[in-house]
């Protein structure tokens, strides 16, 4: 129209006759200011302009009836003022530049928990992995980098975080709950950097942030976990376990888990989380539905099968080793192992040491590296995916390794029993 847009003119604007069509009426004084009407009769004030790239853009100012023509005109003038300053009113503010490390970590945990972030093999990230990620985020990342803005983050900041973790700046003493003490060290620091790099990678891929500020950060090399128990140490640990059982100084459940880890080479999470329905006792294997390498079938020896069968069942609990205080599974085997080793002067032992010991004993017995990898669940899927693929060599290796360790753990017990029998006679 040639004149000023008025209420009367807007009221007289006729809706288009077909669904999906639009009608327009433009103000003759303020170029780009107008009203749009659709088939339903809904009328909306709009502003039309060209952006810096020459593209035609439209933004809504408000619905006719909710605001007046003059209200809409004033809004249009404000928007044109923004354009004159170089600000595009149709462009949403980029909040990415205001994102902190803490906020991005919270976003990651929420999205991953909902299954919207995919991990290895394009599958949702496992709950156990998320639990570890959350622990590193809350314990190390947030205290050291939480307030930093993502777009200002530099490689130097990430490597400084790594150094601070090693120096013990985020170390915490053992609390009263389940968790143990939080310590530093190159391994913890490097894994924390890996967690942060993974979060940043997901954020870039999903357009949450613009760039990956941690690319190129150098992670410290952790100490290789190659500690194994020597034969005398296995014997001493067996003696410590028998003494603890006799004096009732340790939980029978914890003692059983420690023994199972040695007899099978299971990870501590696999041993503590073990469910009865996963165990095929007659066939001599455990079918893990979800372990570190996804679903796996792992052969176990007869001593391990016997140990599992000896564990008392708890009503309504699926676990072989149920918690003594709640409905979940037992979680304190690591602390028990530490006390057992301390009682007989064995140093530097972790649950992983037991796993490495199982592998080393298998090596001592002459089994190949490929076979040992399969025993630990590191073998190819064709070996561990289904029980029918567990060949005789693998079953033999499992049985011999398991029984060799069982005999070392029980060494001296038969001699003591014979001595006690002689004295009684």
Protein backbone atom coordinates (compact mmCIF):
# COMPACT_ATOMS: atom_id res chain seq x y z
CA UNK A 1 0.00 0.00 0.00
CA UNK A 2 1.17 3.56 -0.64
CA UNK A 3 0.24 4.96 2.76
CA UNK A 4 0.79 4.13 6.40
CA UNK A 5 -0.35 0.71 7.65
CA UNK A 6 -3.45 1.16 9.83
CA UNK A 7 -5.75 -0.96 11.98
CA UNK A 8 -8.54 -0.56 9.42
CA UNK A 9 -6.28 -1.72 6.60
CA UNK A 10 -5.15 -4.78 8.58
CA UNK A 11 -8.73 -5.69 9.51
CA UNK A 12 -9.69 -5.47 5.84
CA UNK A 13 -6.93 -7.82 4.69
CA UNK A 14 -8.59 -10.88 3.12
CA UNK A 15 -7.18 -14.37 3.89
CA UNK A 16 -6.01 -16.44 0.88
CA UNK A 17 -8.45 -19.07 -0.41
CA UNK A 18 -6.11 -22.09 -0.25
CA UNK A 19 -4.34 -23.86 2.57
CA UNK A 20 -0.62 -23.03 2.62
CA UNK A 21 -0.96 -19.72 0.80
CA UNK A 22 -0.08 -16.36 2.41
CA UNK A 23 -1.17 -12.78 1.83
CA UNK A 24 0.87 -9.66 2.64
CA UNK A 25 0.20 -5.97 3.21
CA UNK A 26 3.22 -3.68 3.44
CA UNK A 27 3.58 -0.31 5.11
CA UNK A 28 4.23 2.52 2.63
CA UNK A 29 6.38 4.56 5.03
CA UNK A 30 8.55 2.02 6.89
CA UNK A 31 9.99 -0.25 4.20
CA UNK A 32 10.00 -3.92 5.19
CA UNK A 33 7.32 -3.54 7.87
CA UNK A 34 4.07 -5.34 7.11
CA UNK A 35 1.47 -7.89 8.07
CA UNK A 36 0.99 -11.46 6.87
CA UNK A 37 -2.28 -13.36 6.74
CA UNK A 38 -2.75 -17.11 6.27
CA UNK A 39 -5.72 -19.24 5.18
CA UNK A 40 -7.10 -19.50 8.75
CA UNK A 41 -7.30 -15.71 9.01
CA UNK A 42 -4.41 -15.39 11.49
CA UNK A 43 -2.59 -12.09 10.95
CA UNK A 44 0.99 -11.53 12.10
CA UNK A 45 3.14 -8.41 11.93
CA UNK A 46 6.47 -9.09 10.25
CA UNK A 47 9.73 -7.41 9.36
CA UNK A 48 11.42 -8.25 6.05
CA UNK A 49 15.02 -7.29 5.20
CA UNK A 50 18.22 -8.50 3.57
CA UNK A 51 21.03 -9.81 5.77
CA UNK A 52 24.76 -9.25 5.30
CA UNK A 53 24.89 -12.08 2.75
CA UNK A 54 22.07 -10.58 0.67
CA UNK A 55 19.50 -13.20 1.69
CA UNK A 56 15.90 -12.15 2.33
CA UNK A 57 14.98 -12.71 5.99
CA UNK A 58 11.67 -12.35 7.81
CA UNK A 59 11.02 -12.18 11.54
CA UNK A 60 7.73 -12.12 13.42
CA UNK A 61 6.94 -9.07 15.53
CA UNK A 62 3.68 -10.24 17.07
CA UNK A 63 0.13 -11.33 16.33
CA UNK A 64 -2.46 -8.72 15.31
CA UNK A 65 -4.85 -8.41 18.22
CA UNK A 66 -2.16 -9.21 20.77
CA UNK A 67 -0.30 -6.05 19.77
CA UNK A 68 -1.47 -2.96 17.91
CA UNK A 69 -0.22 -1.64 14.57
CA UNK A 70 1.70 1.11 16.37
CA UNK A 71 3.25 -1.37 18.84
CA UNK A 72 4.42 -3.45 15.89
CA UNK A 73 5.78 -0.35 14.11
CA UNK A 74 7.82 0.59 17.20
CA UNK A 75 9.22 -2.96 17.41
CA UNK A 76 10.14 -2.82 13.72
CA UNK A 77 12.06 0.43 14.28
CA UNK A 78 13.99 -1.19 17.15
CA UNK A 79 14.91 -4.15 14.95
CA UNK A 80 16.00 -1.84 12.12
CA UNK A 81 18.19 -0.06 14.69
CA UNK A 82 19.87 -3.39 15.50
CA UNK A 83 20.45 -3.96 11.79
CA UNK A 84 22.08 -0.55 11.48
CA UNK A 85 24.55 -1.60 14.22
CA UNK A 86 25.40 -4.78 12.31
CA UNK A 87 23.33 -7.12 14.48
CA UNK A 88 21.01 -9.52 12.65
CA UNK A 89 17.75 -9.70 14.67
CA UNK A 90 16.87 -13.06 13.06
CA UNK A 91 20.11 -14.63 14.17
CA UNK A 92 19.88 -16.34 17.51
CA UNK A 93 22.66 -15.45 19.94
CA UNK A 94 25.47 -18.01 19.86
CA UNK A 95 25.42 -19.37 23.41
CA UNK A 96 28.26 -21.71 22.55
CA UNK A 97 30.80 -19.02 23.39
CA UNK A 98 29.37 -18.76 26.89
CA UNK A 99 29.57 -22.50 27.60
CA UNK A 100 31.78 -23.47 30.54
CA UNK A 101 33.61 -26.76 30.93
CA UNK A 102 31.32 -27.67 33.85
CA UNK A 103 28.17 -26.97 31.81
CA UNK A 104 29.46 -29.02 28.88
CA UNK A 105 30.28 -31.94 31.18
CA UNK A 106 26.74 -31.81 32.63
CA UNK A 107 25.32 -31.76 29.10
CA UNK A 108 27.41 -34.81 28.18
CA UNK A 109 26.30 -36.82 31.22
CA UNK A 110 22.63 -36.00 30.59
CA UNK A 111 22.74 -36.78 26.87
CA UNK A 112 24.79 -39.94 27.29
CA UNK A 113 22.52 -41.23 30.05
CA UNK A 114 19.55 -40.72 27.72
CA UNK A 115 21.34 -42.73 25.01
CA UNK A 116 21.68 -39.77 22.64
CA UNK A 117 25.48 -39.93 22.55
CA UNK A 118 26.98 -43.05 21.04
CA UNK A 119 30.25 -44.60 22.11
CA UNK A 120 32.27 -47.51 20.79
CA UNK A 121 30.77 -49.41 17.86
CA UNK A 122 28.01 -46.78 17.65
CA UNK A 123 26.26 -48.06 20.76
CA UNK A 124 24.98 -46.10 23.76
CA UNK A 125 27.67 -45.53 26.37
CA UNK A 126 27.54 -48.10 29.15
CA UNK A 127 26.38 -47.16 32.64
CA UNK A 128 29.68 -48.35 34.11
CA UNK A 129 31.64 -46.11 31.72
CA UNK A 130 29.40 -43.16 32.55
CA UNK A 131 29.94 -43.77 36.26
CA UNK A 132 33.70 -43.56 35.74
CA UNK A 133 33.31 -40.46 33.55
CA UNK A 134 31.16 -38.78 36.20
CA UNK A 135 33.71 -39.61 38.89
CA UNK A 136 36.54 -38.02 36.88
CA UNK A 137 34.37 -35.01 36.02
CA UNK A 138 33.33 -34.31 39.62
CA UNK A 139 36.68 -35.18 41.20
CA UNK A 140 39.17 -33.68 38.77
CA UNK A 141 37.74 -31.80 35.77
CA UNK A 142 35.24 -29.50 37.49
CA UNK A 143 37.49 -28.47 40.41
CA UNK A 144 40.36 -27.61 38.05
CA UNK A 145 38.66 -26.40 34.84
CA UNK A 146 34.92 -26.20 35.58
CA UNK A 147 34.63 -22.39 35.41
CA UNK A 148 36.70 -22.01 32.24
CA UNK A 149 34.87 -21.02 29.05
CA UNK A 150 35.19 -23.65 26.34
CA UNK A 151 36.11 -21.15 23.62
CA UNK A 152 39.02 -19.84 25.72
CA UNK A 153 40.33 -23.31 26.58
CA UNK A 154 43.85 -24.03 25.36
CA UNK A 155 46.08 -27.09 25.23
CA UNK A 156 48.19 -25.53 27.99
CA UNK A 157 45.13 -25.45 30.30
CA UNK A 158 44.45 -29.14 29.73
CA UNK A 159 48.06 -30.15 30.26
CA UNK A 160 48.14 -27.99 33.42
CA UNK A 161 45.07 -29.86 34.69
CA UNK A 162 46.94 -33.10 34.05
CA UNK A 163 49.96 -31.87 36.02
CA UNK A 164 47.77 -30.71 38.90
CA UNK A 165 46.12 -34.13 39.14
CA UNK A 166 49.54 -35.81 39.26
CA UNK A 167 50.60 -33.34 41.96
CA UNK A 168 47.62 -34.39 44.08
CA UNK A 169 45.68 -31.12 43.98
CA UNK A 170 42.41 -33.03 43.61
CA UNK A 171 43.32 -35.92 45.93
CA UNK A 172 40.80 -36.68 48.67
CA UNK A 173 41.02 -38.91 51.74
CA UNK A 174 38.90 -42.03 52.02
CA UNK A 175 35.34 -41.09 52.97
CA UNK A 176 32.80 -42.95 55.04
CA UNK A 177 30.87 -44.26 52.04
CA UNK A 178 31.72 -46.96 49.54
CA UNK A 179 34.33 -45.03 47.62
CA UNK A 180 38.00 -45.27 48.42
CA UNK A 181 40.59 -42.53 48.57
CA UNK A 182 41.02 -40.39 45.45
CA UNK A 183 44.66 -40.08 44.47
CA UNK A 184 46.64 -38.57 41.65
CA UNK A 185 49.22 -40.21 39.45
CA UNK A 186 50.03 -40.30 35.74
CA UNK A 187 47.45 -43.00 35.00
CA UNK A 188 44.57 -41.14 36.67
CA UNK A 189 45.65 -37.86 35.05
CA UNK A 190 45.92 -39.36 31.56
CA UNK A 191 42.53 -41.08 31.83
CA UNK A 192 40.96 -37.80 32.97
CA UNK A 193 42.40 -36.02 29.93
CA UNK A 194 41.01 -38.81 27.74
CA UNK A 195 37.57 -38.34 29.30
CA UNK A 196 37.65 -34.58 28.65
CA UNK A 197 38.87 -35.10 25.08
CA UNK A 198 36.04 -37.54 24.45
CA UNK A 199 33.45 -35.08 25.80
CA UNK A 200 34.83 -32.28 23.62
CA UNK A 201 34.84 -34.57 20.59
CA UNK A 202 31.17 -35.46 21.07
CA UNK A 203 30.33 -31.76 21.56
CA UNK A 204 32.03 -30.72 18.30
CA UNK A 205 30.35 -33.53 16.36
CA UNK A 206 26.92 -32.54 17.70
CA UNK A 207 27.58 -28.81 17.06
CA UNK A 208 27.53 -27.97 20.76
CA UNK A 209 30.87 -26.18 20.50
CA UNK A 210 32.81 -24.79 17.54
CA UNK A 211 36.26 -26.31 17.93
CA UNK A 212 38.09 -29.10 19.73
CA UNK A 213 40.45 -27.23 22.10
CA UNK A 214 42.17 -30.35 23.47
CA UNK A 215 43.49 -31.71 20.17
CA UNK A 216 47.23 -32.06 20.47
CA UNK A 217 47.31 -32.23 24.27
CA UNK A 218 50.00 -34.68 25.35
CA UNK A 219 48.88 -37.32 27.81
CA UNK A 220 51.30 -38.71 30.34
CA UNK A 221 52.21 -42.33 29.88
CA UNK A 222 50.93 -44.34 32.82
CA UNK A 223 52.99 -47.08 34.40
CA UNK A 224 52.39 -50.38 32.68
CA UNK A 225 50.52 -52.76 34.95
CA UNK A 226 52.84 -55.75 34.73
CA UNK A 227 52.92 -56.75 38.41
CA UNK A 228 52.20 -60.41 38.97
CA UNK A 229 52.21 -62.56 42.05
CA UNK A 230 55.14 -64.94 42.23
CA UNK A 231 54.52 -68.58 43.15
CA UNK A 232 55.56 -67.99 46.80
CA UNK A 233 53.26 -64.94 46.93
CA UNK A 234 50.30 -66.96 45.64
CA UNK A 235 50.97 -69.52 48.37
CA UNK A 236 51.24 -66.76 51.03
CA UNK A 237 48.01 -65.15 49.82
CA UNK A 238 46.26 -68.52 50.11
CA UNK A 239 47.53 -68.83 53.68
CA UNK A 240 46.29 -65.31 54.48
CA UNK A 241 42.86 -66.17 53.08
CA UNK A 242 42.59 -69.34 55.16
CA UNK A 243 43.68 -67.48 58.29
CA UNK A 244 41.14 -64.71 57.68
CA UNK A 245 38.40 -67.30 57.13
CA UNK A 246 39.36 -69.18 60.32
CA UNK A 247 39.51 -66.03 62.46
CA UNK A 248 36.48 -64.51 60.68
CA UNK A 249 38.33 -61.23 60.12
CA UNK A 250 37.14 -60.89 56.52
CA UNK A 251 33.80 -61.34 54.81
CA UNK A 252 33.41 -64.84 53.30
CA UNK A 253 31.98 -63.14 50.20
CA UNK A 254 35.06 -60.94 49.78
CA UNK A 255 37.37 -63.92 50.24
CA UNK A 256 35.43 -65.89 47.62
CA UNK A 257 35.66 -63.02 45.13
CA UNK A 258 39.43 -62.66 45.61
CA UNK A 259 39.84 -66.40 45.04
CA UNK A 260 37.59 -66.32 41.96
CA UNK A 261 39.59 -63.48 40.40
CA UNK A 262 42.76 -65.53 40.74
CA UNK A 263 41.13 -68.71 39.40
CA UNK A 264 39.56 -67.03 36.36
CA UNK A 265 41.49 -63.87 35.47
CA UNK A 266 38.20 -61.95 35.60
CA UNK A 267 38.21 -58.19 36.00
CA UNK A 268 37.01 -57.15 39.45
CA UNK A 269 33.82 -55.70 37.94
CA UNK A 270 33.13 -59.02 36.22
CA UNK A 271 33.67 -60.97 39.44
CA UNK A 272 31.69 -58.71 41.76
CA UNK A 273 28.83 -58.22 39.28
CA UNK A 274 28.56 -61.91 38.39
CA UNK A 275 24.97 -63.17 38.11
CA UNK A 276 23.93 -66.79 38.58
CA UNK A 277 22.07 -67.02 35.29
CA UNK A 278 25.28 -66.20 33.41
CA UNK A 279 27.00 -69.32 34.75
CA UNK A 280 26.72 -72.56 32.75
CA UNK A 281 28.25 -74.86 35.36
CA UNK A 282 27.87 -78.14 33.47
CA UNK A 283 29.44 -76.71 30.32
CA UNK A 284 32.14 -74.81 32.24
CA UNK A 285 31.67 -71.28 31.00
CA UNK A 286 30.27 -67.86 31.93
CA UNK A 287 28.27 -65.85 29.39
CA UNK A 288 28.80 -62.16 30.12
CA UNK A 289 26.03 -60.13 28.43
CA UNK A 290 27.93 -56.86 28.71
CA UNK A 291 31.59 -56.72 29.65
CA UNK A 292 34.41 -54.43 28.52
CA UNK A 293 34.57 -56.09 25.13
CA UNK A 294 30.76 -56.34 24.82
CA UNK A 295 29.00 -59.71 25.17
CA UNK A 296 31.45 -62.55 25.74
CA UNK A 297 31.60 -66.20 26.67
CA UNK A 298 34.53 -67.10 28.93
CA UNK A 299 35.60 -70.64 29.84
CA UNK A 300 36.24 -71.35 33.55
CA UNK A 301 37.90 -74.25 35.34
CA UNK A 302 36.27 -76.77 37.66
CA UNK A 303 37.65 -75.14 40.84
CA UNK A 304 36.02 -71.86 39.80
CA UNK A 305 32.73 -73.63 39.01
CA UNK A 306 32.85 -75.33 42.43
CA UNK A 307 33.55 -72.02 44.19
CA UNK A 308 30.56 -70.36 42.50
CA UNK A 309 28.30 -73.31 43.38
CA UNK A 310 29.33 -73.06 47.04
CA UNK A 311 28.06 -69.50 47.39
CA UNK A 312 24.79 -69.34 49.35
CA UNK A 313 21.81 -68.03 47.41
CA UNK A 314 19.90 -64.99 48.60
CA UNK A 315 16.18 -64.81 47.86
CA UNK A 316 15.37 -62.33 45.07
CA UNK A 317 19.05 -61.57 44.39
CA UNK A 318 20.45 -62.46 40.95
CA UNK A 319 24.05 -62.10 42.13
CA UNK A 320 26.52 -64.82 43.00
CA UNK A 321 28.06 -62.36 45.47
CA UNK A 322 25.21 -60.23 46.86
CA UNK A 323 25.85 -57.17 48.99
CA UNK A 324 25.79 -57.72 52.73
CA UNK A 325 24.06 -54.38 53.34
CA UNK A 326 21.80 -53.74 50.35
CA UNK A 327 20.11 -55.20 47.31
CA UNK A 328 23.00 -54.87 44.87
CA UNK A 329 26.19 -56.87 44.49
CA UNK A 330 29.22 -56.93 46.77
CA UNK A 331 31.66 -54.05 46.18
CA UNK A 332 34.44 -54.24 48.80
CA UNK A 333 36.66 -57.06 47.49
CA UNK A 334 39.49 -54.62 46.63
CA UNK A 335 39.80 -53.46 50.23
CA UNK A 336 39.80 -57.08 51.41
CA UNK A 337 42.60 -57.92 48.95
CA UNK A 338 44.67 -55.01 50.25
CA UNK A 339 44.30 -56.16 53.86
CA UNK A 340 45.11 -59.78 53.00
CA UNK A 341 48.30 -58.78 51.20
CA UNK A 342 49.34 -56.39 53.97
CA UNK A 343 48.90 -59.17 56.54
CA UNK A 344 51.57 -61.31 54.83
CA UNK A 345 53.85 -58.55 53.55
CA UNK A 346 52.89 -58.63 49.86
CA UNK A 347 53.15 -55.15 48.33
CA UNK A 348 51.88 -53.41 45.20
CA UNK A 349 48.88 -55.65 44.58
CA UNK A 350 45.63 -54.54 42.93
CA UNK A 351 42.75 -56.59 41.50
CA UNK A 352 44.44 -56.21 38.11
CA UNK A 353 47.49 -57.96 39.57
CA UNK A 354 45.37 -61.07 40.05
CA UNK A 355 44.25 -60.90 36.41
CA UNK A 356 47.85 -60.51 35.26
CA UNK A 357 48.88 -63.38 37.54
CA UNK A 358 46.34 -65.68 35.88
CA UNK A 359 47.75 -64.75 32.47
CA UNK A 360 51.33 -65.20 33.65
CA UNK A 361 50.65 -68.65 35.12
CA UNK A 362 49.08 -69.64 31.79
CA UNK A 363 52.27 -68.43 30.10
CA UNK A 364 54.40 -70.40 32.57
CA UNK A 365 52.43 -73.50 31.59
CA UNK A 366 53.44 -72.96 27.97
CA UNK A 367 50.25 -71.57 26.43
CA UNK A 368 50.55 -69.12 23.54
CA UNK A 369 49.92 -65.40 23.76
CA UNK A 370 46.89 -65.74 21.48
CA UNK A 371 45.39 -68.38 23.78
CA UNK A 372 46.09 -66.25 26.86
CA UNK A 373 44.42 -63.23 25.25
CA UNK A 374 41.36 -65.37 24.61
CA UNK A 375 41.38 -66.58 28.24
CA UNK A 376 41.20 -62.95 29.37
CA UNK A 377 38.50 -61.98 26.90
CA UNK A 378 40.90 -60.14 24.59
CA UNK A 379 40.68 -62.76 21.84
CA UNK A 380 38.86 -62.39 18.55
CA UNK A 381 35.07 -62.50 18.60
CA UNK A 382 35.16 -65.77 16.68
CA UNK A 383 36.84 -67.33 19.71
CA UNK A 384 34.78 -65.80 22.51
CA UNK A 385 31.43 -65.00 20.94
CA UNK A 386 29.84 -68.40 21.43
CA UNK A 387 30.66 -71.45 23.50
CA UNK A 388 30.86 -73.69 20.45
CA UNK A 389 33.79 -71.55 19.29
CA UNK A 390 35.72 -72.13 22.51
CA UNK A 391 38.02 -74.80 21.16
CA UNK A 392 39.57 -77.63 23.11
CA UNK A 393 42.92 -75.86 23.41
CA UNK A 394 41.24 -72.92 25.11
CA UNK A 395 39.26 -75.14 27.48
CA UNK A 396 42.42 -77.07 28.32
CA UNK A 397 44.35 -73.85 28.99
CA UNK A 398 41.57 -72.58 31.26
CA UNK A 399 41.36 -75.83 33.20
CA UNK A 400 45.11 -76.24 33.69
CA UNK A 401 45.68 -72.61 34.67
CA UNK A 402 42.76 -72.60 37.09
CA UNK A 403 43.81 -75.85 38.77
CA UNK A 404 47.48 -74.79 38.99
CA UNK A 405 46.51 -71.61 40.84
CA UNK A 406 44.01 -73.48 43.05
CA UNK A 407 46.74 -75.92 44.05
CA UNK A 408 49.12 -73.06 44.93
CA UNK A 409 46.46 -71.27 46.98
CA UNK A 410 45.74 -74.49 48.86
CA UNK A 411 49.41 -75.45 49.24
CA UNK A 412 50.23 -76.38 52.82
CA UNK A 413 46.59 -76.94 53.73
CA UNK A 414 46.78 -80.70 53.11
CA UNK A 415 50.06 -80.93 55.01
CA UNK A 416 48.50 -79.12 57.97
CA UNK A 417 45.49 -81.40 57.85
CA UNK A 418 47.73 -84.48 57.86
CA UNK A 419 49.75 -83.09 60.78
CA UNK A 420 46.59 -82.36 62.74
CA UNK A 421 45.35 -85.88 62.03
CA UNK A 422 48.62 -87.40 63.33
CA UNK A 423 48.42 -85.40 66.56
CA UNK A 424 44.81 -86.47 67.09
CA UNK A 425 45.84 -90.12 66.64
